[in-house]
Amino acid sequence: IMEEIHYFFKEEHNLDLGYIGQEDVYNFFME
């Protein structure tokens, strides 16, 4: 899932999220 988050933000928003950013997005959606 975190790989998918990274890919989505890279392709759709040209943002290269690092591990912490990916985990923040993951945790936000899980919560």
PDB file of all heavy atoms in Angstrom:
ATOM      1  N   ILE A   1       0.835  -1.206   0.000  1.00  0.00           N
ATOM      2  CA  ILE A   1       0.000   0.000   0.000  1.00  0.00           C
ATOM      3  C   ILE A   1       0.864   1.248   0.000  1.00  0.00           C
ATOM      4  O   ILE A   1       0.590   2.214  -0.729  1.00  0.00           O
ATOM      5  CB  ILE A   1      -0.960  -0.014   1.204  1.00  0.00           C
ATOM      6  CG1 ILE A   1      -2.013  -1.102   1.013  1.00  0.00           C
ATOM      7  CG2 ILE A   1      -1.623   1.352   1.384  1.00  0.00           C
ATOM      8  CD1 ILE A   1      -2.842  -1.384   2.244  1.00  0.00           C
ATOM      9  N   MET A   2       1.922   1.242   0.795  1.00  0.00           N
ATOM     10  CA  MET A   2       2.802   2.409   0.839  1.00  0.00           C
ATOM     11  C   MET A   2       3.509   2.619  -0.502  1.00  0.00           C
ATOM     12  O   MET A   2       3.718   3.762  -0.924  1.00  0.00           O
ATOM     13  CB  MET A   2       3.771   2.287   2.008  1.00  0.00           C
ATOM     14  CG  MET A   2       3.029   2.499   3.328  1.00  0.00           C
ATOM     15  SD  MET A   2       4.021   2.399   4.813  1.00  0.00           S
ATOM     16  CE  MET A   2       5.326   3.552   4.520  1.00  0.00           C
ATOM     17  N   GLU A   3       3.824   1.544  -1.207  1.00  0.00           N
ATOM     18  CA  GLU A   3       4.385   1.673  -2.555  1.00  0.00           C
ATOM     19  C   GLU A   3       3.365   2.306  -3.492  1.00  0.00           C
ATOM     20  O   GLU A   3       3.716   3.147  -4.330  1.00  0.00           O
ATOM     21  CB  GLU A   3       4.820   0.307  -3.085  1.00  0.00           C
ATOM     22  CG  GLU A   3       6.040  -0.253  -2.403  1.00  0.00           C
ATOM     23  CD  GLU A   3       6.326  -1.705  -2.770  1.00  0.00           C
ATOM     24  OE1 GLU A   3       5.547  -2.316  -3.546  1.00  0.00           O
ATOM     25  OE2 GLU A   3       7.323  -2.250  -2.273  1.00  0.00           O
ATOM     26  N   GLU A   4       2.107   1.911  -3.348  1.00  0.00           N
ATOM     27  CA  GLU A   4       1.038   2.500  -4.170  1.00  0.00           C
ATOM     28  C   GLU A   4       0.849   3.980  -3.847  1.00  0.00           C
ATOM     29  O   GLU A   4       0.603   4.796  -4.742  1.00  0.00           O
ATOM     30  CB  GLU A   4      -0.274   1.741  -3.971  1.00  0.00           C
ATOM     31  CG  GLU A   4      -0.259   0.316  -4.486  1.00  0.00           C
ATOM     32  CD  GLU A   4      -0.153   0.233  -5.998  1.00  0.00           C
ATOM     33  OE1 GLU A   4      -0.594   1.167  -6.705  1.00  0.00           O
ATOM     34  OE2 GLU A   4       0.387  -0.773  -6.484  1.00  0.00           O
ATOM     35  N   ILE A   5       0.928   4.318  -2.563  1.00  0.00           N
ATOM     36  CA  ILE A   5       0.835   5.727  -2.154  1.00  0.00           C
ATOM     37  C   ILE A   5       1.968   6.523  -2.802  1.00  0.00           C
ATOM     38  O   ILE A   5       1.745   7.608  -3.368  1.00  0.00           O
ATOM     39  CB  ILE A   5       0.883   5.848  -0.619  1.00  0.00           C
ATOM     40  CG1 ILE A   5      -0.415   5.327  -0.006  1.00  0.00           C
ATOM     41  CG2 ILE A   5       1.147   7.295  -0.188  1.00  0.00           C
ATOM     42  CD1 ILE A   5      -0.374   5.143   1.499  1.00  0.00           C
ATOM     43  N   HIS A   6       3.173   5.981  -2.739  1.00  0.00           N
ATOM     44  CA  HIS A   6       4.321   6.658  -3.339  1.00  0.00           C
ATOM     45  C   HIS A   6       4.101   6.863  -4.840  1.00  0.00           C
ATOM     46  O   HIS A   6       4.296   7.965  -5.369  1.00  0.00           O
ATOM     47  CB  HIS A   6       5.605   5.851  -3.098  1.00  0.00           C
ATOM     48  CG  HIS A   6       6.813   6.517  -3.660  1.00  0.00           C
ATOM     49  ND1 HIS A   6       7.345   6.158  -4.876  1.00  0.00           N
ATOM     50  CD2 HIS A   6       7.576   7.526  -3.188  1.00  0.00           C
ATOM     51  CE1 HIS A   6       8.397   6.917  -5.126  1.00  0.00           C
ATOM     52  NE2 HIS A   6       8.560   7.755  -4.116  1.00  0.00           N
ATOM     53  N   TYR A   7       3.682   5.807  -5.514  1.00  0.00           N
ATOM     54  CA  TYR A   7       3.449   5.880  -6.956  1.00  0.00           C
ATOM     55  C   TYR A   7       2.365   6.907  -7.285  1.00  0.00           C
ATOM     56  O   TYR A   7       2.525   7.734  -8.193  1.00  0.00           O
ATOM     57  CB  TYR A   7       3.065   4.503  -7.500  1.00  0.00           C
ATOM     58  CG  TYR A   7       2.767   4.500  -8.969  1.00  0.00           C
ATOM     59  CD1 TYR A   7       3.799   4.474  -9.900  1.00  0.00           C
ATOM     60  CD2 TYR A   7       1.460   4.525  -9.437  1.00  0.00           C
ATOM     61  CE1 TYR A   7       3.535   4.489 -11.262  1.00  0.00           C
ATOM     62  CE2 TYR A   7       1.185   4.542 -10.796  1.00  0.00           C
ATOM     63  CZ  TYR A   7       2.220   4.517 -11.702  1.00  0.00           C
ATOM     64  OH  TYR A   7       1.959   4.544 -13.044  1.00  0.00           O
ATOM     65  N   PHE A   8       1.251   6.883  -6.546  1.00  0.00           N
ATOM     66  CA  PHE A   8       0.152   7.808  -6.807  1.00  0.00           C
ATOM     67  C   PHE A   8       0.604   9.252  -6.675  1.00  0.00           C
ATOM     68  O   PHE A   8       0.354  10.075  -7.564  1.00  0.00           O
ATOM     69  CB  PHE A   8      -1.014   7.538  -5.840  1.00  0.00           C
ATOM     70  CG  PHE A   8      -2.107   8.560  -5.941  1.00  0.00           C
ATOM     71  CD1 PHE A   8      -3.044   8.503  -6.964  1.00  0.00           C
ATOM     72  CD2 PHE A   8      -2.190   9.593  -5.016  1.00  0.00           C
ATOM     73  CE1 PHE A   8      -4.051   9.452  -7.068  1.00  0.00           C
ATOM     74  CE2 PHE A   8      -3.191  10.549  -5.108  1.00  0.00           C
ATOM     75  CZ  PHE A   8      -4.126  10.480  -6.140  1.00  0.00           C
ATOM     76  N   PHE A   9       1.255   9.591  -5.572  1.00  0.00           N
ATOM     77  CA  PHE A   9       1.669  10.976  -5.371  1.00  0.00           C
ATOM     78  C   PHE A   9       2.731  11.407  -6.379  1.00  0.00           C
ATOM     79  O   PHE A   9       2.757  12.563  -6.800  1.00  0.00           O
ATOM     80  CB  PHE A   9       2.142  11.198  -3.934  1.00  0.00           C
ATOM     81  CG  PHE A   9       1.014  11.442  -2.989  1.00  0.00           C
ATOM     82  CD1 PHE A   9       0.409  10.387  -2.323  1.00  0.00           C
ATOM     83  CD2 PHE A   9       0.514  12.721  -2.773  1.00  0.00           C
ATOM     84  CE1 PHE A   9      -0.652  10.595  -1.466  1.00  0.00           C
ATOM     85  CE2 PHE A   9      -0.543  12.953  -1.914  1.00  0.00           C
ATOM     86  CZ  PHE A   9      -1.129  11.886  -1.257  1.00  0.00           C
ATOM     87  N   LYS A  10       3.566  10.471  -6.782  1.00  0.00           N
ATOM     88  CA  LYS A  10       4.593  10.780  -7.784  1.00  0.00           C
ATOM     89  C   LYS A  10       3.949  11.047  -9.143  1.00  0.00           C
ATOM     90  O   LYS A  10       4.262  12.037  -9.811  1.00  0.00           O
ATOM     91  CB  LYS A  10       5.592   9.623  -7.883  1.00  0.00           C
ATOM     92  CG  LYS A  10       6.720   9.847  -8.843  1.00  0.00           C
ATOM     93  CD  LYS A  10       7.738  10.775  -8.262  1.00  0.00           C
ATOM     94  CE  LYS A  10       8.965  10.780  -9.160  1.00  0.00           C
ATOM     95  NZ  LYS A  10       9.855  11.857  -8.811  1.00  0.00           N
ATOM     96  N   GLU A  11       3.033  10.181  -9.562  1.00  0.00           N
ATOM     97  CA  GLU A  11       2.419  10.297 -10.890  1.00  0.00           C
ATOM     98  C   GLU A  11       1.359  11.399 -10.961  1.00  0.00           C
ATOM     99  O   GLU A  11       1.292  12.115 -11.952  1.00  0.00           O
ATOM    100  CB  GLU A  11       1.788   8.958 -11.298  1.00  0.00           C
ATOM    101  CG  GLU A  11       2.797   7.854 -11.532  1.00  0.00           C
ATOM    102  CD  GLU A  11       3.744   8.158 -12.666  1.00  0.00           C
ATOM    103  OE1 GLU A  11       3.289   8.578 -13.743  1.00  0.00           O
ATOM    104  OE2 GLU A  11       4.973   7.979 -12.463  1.00  0.00           O
ATOM    105  N   GLU A  12       0.534  11.505  -9.942  1.00  0.00           N
ATOM    106  CA  GLU A  12      -0.600  12.431  -9.993  1.00  0.00           C
ATOM    107  C   GLU A  12      -0.275  13.843  -9.508  1.00  0.00           C
ATOM    108  O   GLU A  12      -0.910  14.800  -9.931  1.00  0.00           O
ATOM    109  CB  GLU A  12      -1.768  11.877  -9.166  1.00  0.00           C
ATOM    110  CG  GLU A  12      -2.314  10.555  -9.678  1.00  0.00           C
ATOM    111  CD  GLU A  12      -2.934  10.663 -11.061  1.00  0.00           C
ATOM    112  OE1 GLU A  12      -3.564  11.701 -11.363  1.00  0.00           O
ATOM    113  OE2 GLU A  12      -2.775   9.708 -11.845  1.00  0.00           O
ATOM    114  N   HIS A  13       0.698  13.963  -8.615  1.00  0.00           N
ATOM    115  CA  HIS A  13       0.977  15.268  -8.009  1.00  0.00           C
ATOM    116  C   HIS A  13       2.447  15.662  -8.087  1.00  0.00           C
ATOM    117  O   HIS A  13       2.843  16.683  -7.526  1.00  0.00           O
ATOM    118  CB  HIS A  13       0.524  15.265  -6.536  1.00  0.00           C
ATOM    119  CG  HIS A  13      -0.927  14.970  -6.382  1.00  0.00           C
ATOM    120  ND1 HIS A  13      -1.922  15.861  -6.732  1.00  0.00           N
ATOM    121  CD2 HIS A  13      -1.565  13.857  -5.930  1.00  0.00           C
ATOM    122  CE1 HIS A  13      -3.102  15.329  -6.496  1.00  0.00           C
ATOM    123  NE2 HIS A  13      -2.916  14.100  -6.011  1.00  0.00           N
ATOM    124  N   ASN A  14       3.238  14.848  -8.761  1.00  0.00           N
ATOM    125  CA  ASN A  14       4.667  15.103  -8.919  1.00  0.00           C
ATOM    126  C   ASN A  14       5.362  15.340  -7.572  1.00  0.00           C
ATOM    127  O   ASN A  14       6.227  16.194  -7.444  1.00  0.00           O
ATOM    128  CB  ASN A  14       4.915  16.279  -9.871  1.00  0.00           C
ATOM    129  CG  ASN A  14       6.305  16.246 -10.451  1.00  0.00           C
ATOM    130  OD1 ASN A  14       6.909  15.185 -10.597  1.00  0.00           O
ATOM    131  ND2 ASN A  14       6.832  17.418 -10.784  1.00  0.00           N
ATOM    132  N   LEU A  15       4.905  14.596  -6.560  1.00  0.00           N
ATOM    133  CA  LEU A  15       5.512  14.650  -5.228  1.00  0.00           C
ATOM    134  C   LEU A  15       6.216  13.331  -4.954  1.00  0.00           C
ATOM    135  O   LEU A  15       5.623  12.265  -5.112  1.00  0.00           O
ATOM    136  CB  LEU A  15       4.447  14.877  -4.150  1.00  0.00           C
ATOM    137  CG  LEU A  15       3.738  16.224  -4.146  1.00  0.00           C
ATOM    138  CD1 LEU A  15       2.577  16.198  -3.168  1.00  0.00           C
ATOM    139  CD2 LEU A  15       4.722  17.323  -3.779  1.00  0.00           C
ATOM    140  N   ASP A  16       7.450  13.403  -4.550  1.00  0.00           N
ATOM    141  CA  ASP A  16       8.224  12.203  -4.250  1.00  0.00           C
ATOM    142  C   ASP A  16       8.235  12.006  -2.734  1.00  0.00           C
ATOM    143  O   ASP A  16       9.167  12.435  -2.045  1.00  0.00           O
ATOM    144  CB  ASP A  16       9.636  12.342  -4.798  1.00  0.00           C
ATOM    145  CG  ASP A  16      10.400  11.031  -4.777  1.00  0.00           C
ATOM    146  OD1 ASP A  16       9.767   9.972  -4.544  1.00  0.00           O
ATOM    147  OD2 ASP A  16      11.622  11.062  -4.997  1.00  0.00           O
ATOM    148  N   LEU A  17       7.168  11.378  -2.232  1.00  0.00           N
ATOM    149  CA  LEU A  17       7.056  11.172  -0.790  1.00  0.00           C
ATOM    150  C   LEU A  17       8.082  10.164  -0.312  1.00  0.00           C
ATOM    151  O   LEU A  17       8.252   9.104  -0.905  1.00  0.00           O
ATOM    152  CB  LEU A  17       5.660  10.639  -0.422  1.00  0.00           C
ATOM    153  CG  LEU A  17       4.480  11.577  -0.569  1.00  0.00           C
ATOM    154  CD1 LEU A  17       3.211  10.858  -0.131  1.00  0.00           C
ATOM    155  CD2 LEU A  17       4.674  12.834   0.240  1.00  0.00           C
ATOM    156  N   GLY A  18       8.734  10.502   0.779  1.00  0.00           N
ATOM    157  CA  GLY A  18       9.631   9.552   1.411  1.00  0.00           C
ATOM    158  C   GLY A  18       8.833   8.605   2.294  1.00  0.00           C
ATOM    159  O   GLY A  18       7.597   8.648   2.354  1.00  0.00           O
ATOM    160  N   TYR A  19       9.547   7.753   3.012  1.00  0.00           N
ATOM    161  CA  TYR A  19       8.903   6.742   3.850  1.00  0.00           C
ATOM    162  C   TYR A  19       7.986   7.375   4.895  1.00  0.00           C
ATOM    163  O   TYR A  19       6.856   6.924   5.089  1.00  0.00           O
ATOM    164  CB  TYR A  19       9.967   5.869   4.524  1.00  0.00           C
ATOM    165  CG  TYR A  19       9.371   4.786   5.377  1.00  0.00           C
ATOM    166  CD1 TYR A  19       8.943   3.599   4.800  1.00  0.00           C
ATOM    167  CD2 TYR A  19       9.190   4.968   6.747  1.00  0.00           C
ATOM    168  CE1 TYR A  19       8.365   2.597   5.565  1.00  0.00           C
ATOM    169  CE2 TYR A  19       8.617   3.968   7.524  1.00  0.00           C
ATOM    170  CZ  TYR A  19       8.213   2.797   6.932  1.00  0.00           C
ATOM    171  OH  TYR A  19       7.629   1.810   7.693  1.00  0.00           O
ATOM    172  N   ILE A  20       8.445   8.438   5.545  1.00  0.00           N
ATOM    173  CA  ILE A  20       7.631   9.075   6.594  1.00  0.00           C
ATOM    174  C   ILE A  20       6.368   9.676   5.992  1.00  0.00           C
ATOM    175  O   ILE A  20       5.273   9.538   6.552  1.00  0.00           O
ATOM    176  CB  ILE A  20       8.456  10.133   7.361  1.00  0.00           C
ATOM    177  CG1 ILE A  20       9.563   9.430   8.154  1.00  0.00           C
ATOM    178  CG2 ILE A  20       7.571  10.955   8.291  1.00  0.00           C
ATOM    179  CD1 ILE A  20      10.561  10.378   8.806  1.00  0.00           C
ATOM    180  N   GLY A  21       6.472  10.323   4.853  1.00  0.00           N
ATOM    181  CA  GLY A  21       5.303  10.888   4.183  1.00  0.00           C
ATOM    182  C   GLY A  21       4.314   9.808   3.771  1.00  0.00           C
ATOM    183  O   GLY A  21       3.101   9.961   3.939  1.00  0.00           O
ATOM    184  N   GLN A  22       4.834   8.708   3.237  1.00  0.00           N
ATOM    185  CA  GLN A  22       3.972   7.591   2.851  1.00  0.00           C
ATOM    186  C   GLN A  22       3.253   7.031   4.074  1.00  0.00           C
ATOM    187  O   GLN A  22       2.055   6.750   4.030  1.00  0.00           O
ATOM    188  CB  GLN A  22       4.795   6.480   2.208  1.00  0.00           C
ATOM    189  CG  GLN A  22       5.433   6.844   0.897  1.00  0.00           C
ATOM    190  CD  GLN A  22       6.478   5.822   0.494  1.00  0.00           C
ATOM    191  OE1 GLN A  22       6.308   4.628   0.698  1.00  0.00           O
ATOM    192  NE2 GLN A  22       7.569   6.294  -0.085  1.00  0.00           N
ATOM    193  N   GLU A  23       4.002   6.885   5.160  1.00  0.00           N
ATOM    194  CA  GLU A  23       3.407   6.342   6.379  1.00  0.00           C
ATOM    195  C   GLU A  23       2.370   7.294   6.967  1.00  0.00           C
ATOM    196  O   GLU A  23       1.337   6.854   7.473  1.00  0.00           O
ATOM    197  CB  GLU A  23       4.481   6.013   7.410  1.00  0.00           C
ATOM    198  CG  GLU A  23       3.948   5.170   8.545  1.00  0.00           C
ATOM    199  CD  GLU A  23       5.043   4.482   9.319  1.00  0.00           C
ATOM    200  OE1 GLU A  23       6.066   5.132   9.620  1.00  0.00           O
ATOM    201  OE2 GLU A  23       4.860   3.289   9.609  1.00  0.00           O
ATOM    202  N   ASP A  24       2.617   8.596   6.866  1.00  0.00           N
ATOM    203  CA  ASP A  24       1.625   9.574   7.332  1.00  0.00           C
ATOM    204  C   ASP A  24       0.318   9.459   6.546  1.00  0.00           C
ATOM    205  O   ASP A  24      -0.765   9.476   7.121  1.00  0.00           O
ATOM    206  CB  ASP A  24       2.170  11.000   7.220  1.00  0.00           C
ATOM    207  CG  ASP A  24       3.199  11.341   8.283  1.00  0.00           C
ATOM    208  OD1 ASP A  24       3.306  10.581   9.274  1.00  0.00           O
ATOM    209  OD2 ASP A  24       3.891  12.368   8.120  1.00  0.00           O
ATOM    210  N   VAL A  25       0.430   9.335   5.218  1.00  0.00           N
ATOM    211  CA  VAL A  25      -0.770   9.184   4.385  1.00  0.00           C
ATOM    212  C   VAL A  25      -1.470   7.868   4.720  1.00  0.00           C
ATOM    213  O   VAL A  25      -2.694   7.825   4.890  1.00  0.00           O
ATOM    214  CB  VAL A  25      -0.409   9.259   2.879  1.00  0.00           C
ATOM    215  CG1 VAL A  25      -1.614   8.900   2.014  1.00  0.00           C
ATOM    216  CG2 VAL A  25       0.116  10.649   2.529  1.00  0.00           C
ATOM    217  N   TYR A  26      -0.700   6.798   4.842  1.00  0.00           N
ATOM    218  CA  TYR A  26      -1.251   5.487   5.201  1.00  0.00           C
ATOM    219  C   TYR A  26      -2.006   5.571   6.532  1.00  0.00           C
ATOM    220  O   TYR A  26      -3.158   5.143   6.629  1.00  0.00           O
ATOM    221  CB  TYR A  26      -0.119   4.459   5.273  1.00  0.00           C
ATOM    222  CG  TYR A  26      -0.524   3.130   5.859  1.00  0.00           C
ATOM    223  CD1 TYR A  26      -1.082   2.152   5.059  1.00  0.00           C
ATOM    224  CD2 TYR A  26      -0.350   2.858   7.217  1.00  0.00           C
ATOM    225  CE1 TYR A  26      -1.460   0.927   5.593  1.00  0.00           C
ATOM    226  CE2 TYR A  26      -0.725   1.644   7.756  1.00  0.00           C
ATOM    227  CZ  TYR A  26      -1.278   0.684   6.947  1.00  0.00           C
ATOM    228  OH  TYR A  26      -1.664  -0.518   7.476  1.00  0.00           O
ATOM    229  N   ASN A  27      -1.361   6.130   7.546  1.00  0.00           N
ATOM    230  CA  ASN A  27      -1.984   6.225   8.868  1.00  0.00           C
ATOM    231  C   ASN A  27      -3.227   7.107   8.842  1.00  0.00           C
ATOM    232  O   ASN A  27      -4.236   6.790   9.481  1.00  0.00           O
ATOM    233  CB  ASN A  27      -0.986   6.753   9.907  1.00  0.00           C
ATOM    234  CG  ASN A  27       0.076   5.742  10.238  1.00  0.00           C
ATOM    235  OD1 ASN A  27      -0.127   4.538  10.130  1.00  0.00           O
ATOM    236  ND2 ASN A  27       1.246   6.231  10.634  1.00  0.00           N
ATOM    237  N   PHE A  28      -3.171   8.203   8.088  1.00  0.00           N
ATOM    238  CA  PHE A  28      -4.333   9.082   7.971  1.00  0.00           C
ATOM    239  C   PHE A  28      -5.535   8.324   7.430  1.00  0.00           C
ATOM    240  O   PHE A  28      -6.631   8.382   7.994  1.00  0.00           O
ATOM    241  CB  PHE A  28      -4.015  10.280   7.065  1.00  0.00           C
ATOM    242  CG  PHE A  28      -5.229  11.089   6.717  1.00  0.00           C
ATOM    243  CD1 PHE A  28      -5.775  11.972   7.627  1.00  0.00           C
ATOM    244  CD2 PHE A  28      -5.842  10.942   5.481  1.00  0.00           C
ATOM    245  CE1 PHE A  28      -6.911  12.713   7.313  1.00  0.00           C
ATOM    246  CE2 PHE A  28      -6.969  11.671   5.155  1.00  0.00           C
ATOM    247  CZ  PHE A  28      -7.507  12.561   6.071  1.00  0.00           C
ATOM    248  N   PHE A  29      -5.335   7.602   6.336  1.00  0.00           N
ATOM    249  CA  PHE A  29      -6.451   6.880   5.743  1.00  0.00           C
ATOM    250  C   PHE A  29      -6.908   5.707   6.602  1.00  0.00           C
ATOM    251  O   PHE A  29      -8.106   5.428   6.692  1.00  0.00           O
ATOM    252  CB  PHE A  29      -6.139   6.442   4.310  1.00  0.00           C
ATOM    253  CG  PHE A  29      -6.311   7.559   3.340  1.00  0.00           C
ATOM    254  CD1 PHE A  29      -5.203   8.208   2.808  1.00  0.00           C
ATOM    255  CD2 PHE A  29      -7.570   7.993   2.971  1.00  0.00           C
ATOM    256  CE1 PHE A  29      -5.369   9.262   1.924  1.00  0.00           C
ATOM    257  CE2 PHE A  29      -7.746   9.050   2.087  1.00  0.00           C
ATOM    258  CZ  PHE A  29      -6.638   9.685   1.562  1.00  0.00           C
ATOM    259  N   MET A  30      -5.986   5.026   7.243  1.00  0.00           N
ATOM    260  CA  MET A  30      -6.381   3.918   8.130  1.00  0.00           C
ATOM    261  C   MET A  30      -7.234   4.441   9.281  1.00  0.00           C
ATOM    262  O   MET A  30      -8.242   3.837   9.643  1.00  0.00           O
ATOM    263  CB  MET A  30      -5.154   3.179   8.655  1.00  0.00           C
ATOM    264  CG  MET A  30      -4.437   2.356   7.604  1.00  0.00           C
ATOM    265  SD  MET A  30      -5.453   1.038   6.900  1.00  0.00           S
ATOM    266  CE  MET A  30      -5.458  -0.120   8.256  1.00  0.00           C
ATOM    267  N   GLU A  31      -6.836   5.576   9.851  1.00  0.00           N
ATOM    268  CA  GLU A  31      -7.586   6.155  10.965  1.00  0.00           C
ATOM    269  C   GLU A  31      -8.894   6.777  10.509  1.00  0.00           C
ATOM    270  O   GLU A  31      -9.897   6.736  11.229  1.00  0.00           O
ATOM    271  CB  GLU A  31      -6.729   7.201  11.680  1.00  0.00           C
ATOM    272  CG  GLU A  31      -5.554   6.612  12.419  1.00  0.00           C
ATOM    273  CD  GLU A  31      -4.559   7.659  12.904  1.00  0.00           C
ATOM    274  OE1 GLU A  31      -4.864   8.866  12.814  1.00  0.00           O
ATOM    275  OE2 GLU A  31      -3.478   7.257  13.369  1.00  0.00           O
TER     276      GLU A  31
END
